[in-house]
Amino acid sequence: MSALVIHPWPDPIIDTLGHDPRSEYVERFWLPTLGPTSLLLIRRLAAGLSSHPEGMSVAVGELSQALGLGNREGASSPLLRSFERLTQFDLACSTAPGKYAVRRSIPPVNLRHIRRLPDALQSEHRLWAEAQLAEKPLAIARRRARRIAFTLLEQGDDADLAERALHDMGFHPAICRESAQWAYERHRAALEAALAEALTPAANTNPAA
């Protein structure tokens, strides 16, 4: 199998309250359970689906090399074994031969796996969970939607595309619109500040010097 077709796996609850695969939470608490290769794989797929929310095709050999697994395309290749591991933890599922649906958000680590973490990480996760319980779900969802929208605008999308992408991820329509507008305003302000900084030296140059 030389290529795989990847589609997003939408889930309104996990997409709203879950964690971006590239987040610190996932790196600290999922890494010991999922393993470095599978974690790197889902991060790479999440980045690709951010740019291609409708789905994408990936070359097995090319992706395998990019992850440091060598150029291997067989059914027993390390890359496909990593896909099987994502499936094992319900982070991906095979929808047809050569096709996978992949989560764009990762749920919190379940209790069974938390108990297998080192004691220090268990304590850290307990503190994190207590902090989350003190925060309203709507605030969590809004913060995450804003972060995603800003990332999409940084990649060249406009506010309308960012709003539609958030809607496709399962966010409430009101959060989609508010977050896309928030991200647009912050993105525009950042561009204007960068442009002003770039023009300042030229404006202050003394031709007679």
Protein backbone atom coordinates (compact mmCIF):
# COMPACT_ATOMS: atom_id res chain seq x y z
CA MET A 1 0.00 0.00 0.00
CA SER A 2 1.71 3.15 -1.22
CA ALA A 3 -0.81 5.80 -0.10
CA LEU A 4 -3.43 6.33 2.58
CA VAL A 5 -6.51 8.54 2.56
CA ILE A 6 -7.02 10.44 5.82
CA HIS A 7 -10.29 12.05 6.87
CA PRO A 8 -11.19 13.83 10.10
CA TRP A 9 -13.18 11.90 12.69
CA PRO A 10 -15.67 14.46 14.04
CA ASP A 11 -17.00 14.13 17.56
CA PRO A 12 -18.86 17.17 18.95
CA ILE A 13 -17.95 16.46 22.58
CA ILE A 14 -14.29 15.52 22.13
CA ASP A 15 -13.74 18.22 19.51
CA THR A 16 -15.07 20.81 21.97
CA LEU A 17 -13.49 19.63 25.20
CA GLY A 18 -10.56 17.52 24.02
CA HIS A 19 -6.94 18.49 23.45
CA ASP A 20 -5.05 19.39 20.32
CA PRO A 21 -2.55 16.57 19.61
CA ARG A 22 0.18 19.23 19.57
CA SER A 23 -0.72 20.51 23.04
CA GLU A 24 1.41 20.26 26.17
CA TYR A 25 -1.26 18.12 27.83
CA VAL A 26 -0.95 15.43 25.16
CA GLU A 27 2.84 15.50 25.26
CA ARG A 28 3.01 15.16 29.04
CA PHE A 29 0.19 12.72 29.75
CA TRP A 30 -0.45 10.76 26.53
CA LEU A 31 3.18 10.24 25.50
CA PRO A 32 3.98 7.51 28.09
CA THR A 33 0.88 5.56 26.98
CA LEU A 34 0.83 6.16 23.25
CA GLY A 35 4.56 6.11 22.58
CA PRO A 36 6.68 8.67 20.70
CA THR A 37 6.12 7.40 17.16
CA SER A 38 2.33 7.22 17.36
CA LEU A 39 2.20 10.59 19.11
CA LEU A 40 4.36 12.17 16.42
CA LEU A 41 2.16 10.55 13.77
CA ILE A 42 -1.11 11.95 15.10
CA ARG A 43 0.52 15.37 15.50
CA ARG A 44 1.61 15.29 11.87
CA LEU A 45 -1.87 14.19 10.77
CA ALA A 46 -3.52 16.91 12.89
CA ALA A 47 -1.35 19.53 11.21
CA GLY A 48 -2.31 18.17 7.80
CA LEU A 49 -6.03 18.14 8.61
CA SER A 50 -5.81 21.73 9.84
CA SER A 51 -4.73 22.69 6.31
CA HIS A 52 -7.02 20.17 4.58
CA PRO A 53 -10.13 19.80 6.78
CA GLU A 54 -11.94 17.94 4.00
CA GLY A 55 -9.31 15.16 4.06
CA MET A 56 -6.02 14.36 2.39
CA SER A 57 -3.92 11.64 0.81
CA VAL A 58 -0.52 10.76 2.28
CA ALA A 59 2.24 8.73 0.66
CA VAL A 60 3.20 5.90 3.02
CA GLY A 61 6.90 5.90 2.15
CA GLU A 62 7.23 9.67 2.29
CA LEU A 63 5.41 9.97 5.63
CA SER A 64 7.37 7.04 7.02
CA GLN A 65 10.66 8.72 6.12
CA ALA A 66 9.48 12.05 7.57
CA LEU A 67 8.84 10.31 10.90
CA GLY A 68 12.26 8.64 10.86
CA LEU A 69 10.87 5.16 10.17
CA GLY A 70 12.59 4.52 6.84
CA ASN A 71 11.01 4.14 3.41
CA ARG A 72 8.85 1.06 4.02
CA GLU A 73 5.41 0.56 2.52
CA GLY A 74 4.39 -3.01 3.40
CA ALA A 75 1.46 -4.04 5.58
CA SER A 76 3.89 -4.67 8.44
CA SER A 77 5.68 -1.34 8.08
CA PRO A 78 6.33 0.65 11.28
CA LEU A 79 4.02 3.40 10.01
CA LEU A 80 1.03 1.12 9.63
CA ARG A 81 1.76 -0.39 13.03
CA SER A 82 1.58 3.14 14.43
CA PHE A 83 -1.81 3.58 12.76
CA GLU A 84 -2.90 0.34 14.42
CA ARG A 85 -1.82 1.76 17.76
CA LEU A 86 -3.88 4.90 17.18
CA THR A 87 -6.81 2.64 16.40
CA GLN A 88 -6.19 0.62 19.56
CA PHE A 89 -6.59 3.78 21.65
CA ASP A 90 -9.66 4.98 19.71
CA LEU A 91 -7.77 7.92 18.21
CA ALA A 92 -8.25 6.67 14.66
CA CYS A 93 -10.35 4.06 12.90
CA SER A 94 -10.09 2.26 9.59
CA THR A 95 -13.09 3.11 7.40
CA ALA A 96 -12.01 1.05 4.38
CA PRO A 97 -8.78 -0.52 3.08
CA GLY A 98 -6.23 2.29 2.90
CA LYS A 99 -8.57 4.82 4.53
CA TYR A 100 -8.51 6.16 8.10
CA ALA A 101 -10.58 8.61 10.07
CA VAL A 102 -8.39 10.41 12.60
CA ARG A 103 -9.40 12.48 15.61
CA ARG A 104 -8.36 16.12 15.51
CA SER A 105 -8.79 16.33 19.28
CA ILE A 106 -7.60 13.84 21.86
CA PRO A 107 -9.66 13.09 24.97
CA PRO A 108 -8.18 13.20 28.45
CA VAL A 109 -6.18 10.12 29.43
CA ASN A 110 -8.50 7.60 31.05
CA LEU A 111 -8.06 6.50 34.64
CA ARG A 112 -6.65 3.08 33.75
CA HIS A 113 -3.72 4.64 31.91
CA ILE A 114 -3.24 7.41 34.45
CA ARG A 115 -2.60 4.76 37.09
CA ARG A 116 0.31 3.48 34.99
CA LEU A 117 2.02 6.88 34.84
CA PRO A 118 4.96 7.68 37.12
CA ASP A 119 3.87 9.01 40.50
CA ALA A 120 5.01 12.55 39.70
CA LEU A 121 2.94 12.63 36.51
CA GLN A 122 -0.07 11.18 38.32
CA SER A 123 0.13 14.02 40.83
CA GLU A 124 0.56 16.58 38.07
CA HIS A 125 -2.47 15.20 36.22
CA ARG A 126 -4.56 15.30 39.40
CA LEU A 127 -3.72 18.99 39.85
CA TRP A 128 -4.57 19.65 36.22
CA ALA A 129 -7.95 17.88 36.58
CA GLU A 130 -8.80 19.88 39.70
CA ALA A 131 -8.04 23.13 37.87
CA GLN A 132 -10.27 22.07 34.97
CA LEU A 133 -13.18 21.32 37.30
CA ALA A 134 -13.00 24.89 38.55
CA GLU A 135 -13.39 26.26 35.01
CA LYS A 136 -16.66 26.32 33.10
CA PRO A 137 -16.85 24.05 29.98
CA LEU A 138 -17.91 26.98 27.81
CA ALA A 139 -14.77 28.91 28.72
CA ILE A 140 -12.63 25.90 27.85
CA ALA A 141 -14.37 25.44 24.50
CA ARG A 142 -14.07 29.14 23.65
CA ARG A 143 -10.37 29.23 24.47
CA ARG A 144 -9.68 26.19 22.34
CA ALA A 145 -11.78 27.48 19.41
CA ARG A 146 -9.92 30.79 19.50
CA ARG A 147 -6.59 29.02 19.43
CA ILE A 148 -7.60 26.90 16.43
CA ALA A 149 -9.06 29.90 14.57
CA PHE A 150 -5.91 31.96 15.10
CA THR A 151 -3.76 29.09 13.83
CA LEU A 152 -5.91 28.81 10.69
CA LEU A 153 -5.57 32.53 9.98
CA GLU A 154 -1.81 32.30 10.49
CA GLN A 155 -1.80 29.59 7.81
CA GLY A 156 -3.56 31.87 5.33
CA ASP A 157 -7.27 31.11 5.80
CA ASP A 158 -9.75 33.95 6.18
CA ALA A 159 -12.30 34.42 8.96
CA ASP A 160 -15.12 32.74 7.03
CA LEU A 161 -13.05 29.64 6.36
CA ALA A 162 -11.96 29.53 10.00
CA GLU A 163 -15.57 29.78 11.13
CA ARG A 164 -16.64 26.94 8.82
CA ALA A 165 -13.71 24.80 9.98
CA LEU A 166 -14.71 25.29 13.62
CA HIS A 167 -18.30 24.40 12.75
CA ASP A 168 -17.13 21.22 11.03
CA MET A 169 -15.22 20.33 14.20
CA GLY A 170 -18.44 20.41 16.20
CA PHE A 171 -18.16 23.74 18.03
CA HIS A 172 -21.39 25.64 18.77
CA PRO A 173 -22.18 28.15 15.98
CA ALA A 174 -22.00 31.08 18.38
CA ILE A 175 -18.52 30.05 19.50
CA CYS A 176 -17.47 29.55 15.86
CA ARG A 177 -18.42 33.09 14.86
CA GLU A 178 -17.06 34.76 17.99
CA SER A 179 -13.76 32.87 17.85
CA ALA A 180 -13.22 33.49 14.14
CA GLN A 181 -13.84 37.23 14.63
CA TRP A 182 -11.54 37.31 17.67
CA ALA A 183 -8.78 35.55 15.74
CA TYR A 184 -9.24 37.87 12.73
CA GLU A 185 -8.89 40.99 14.89
CA ARG A 186 -5.79 39.65 16.66
CA HIS A 187 -4.26 38.50 13.39
CA ARG A 188 -4.90 41.87 11.71
CA ALA A 189 -3.48 43.74 14.71
CA ALA A 190 -0.34 41.59 14.60
CA LEU A 191 0.12 42.24 10.87
CA GLU A 192 -0.39 46.00 11.30
CA ALA A 193 2.12 46.08 14.15
CA ALA A 194 4.67 44.16 12.09
CA LEU A 195 4.16 46.50 9.12
CA ALA A 196 4.53 49.59 11.30
CA GLU A 197 7.73 48.23 12.79
CA ALA A 198 9.11 47.46 9.34
CA LEU A 199 8.36 50.99 8.10
CA THR A 200 9.65 52.85 11.16
CA PRO A 201 13.40 52.67 10.36
CA ALA A 202 12.82 53.91 6.82
CA ALA A 203 10.66 56.80 8.05
CA ASN A 204 13.29 57.87 10.59
CA THR A 205 16.25 57.77 8.20
CA ASN A 206 17.91 61.16 7.74
CA PRO A 207 18.90 61.53 4.06
CA ALA A 208 21.40 64.27 4.94
CA ALA A 209 23.30 62.07 7.41
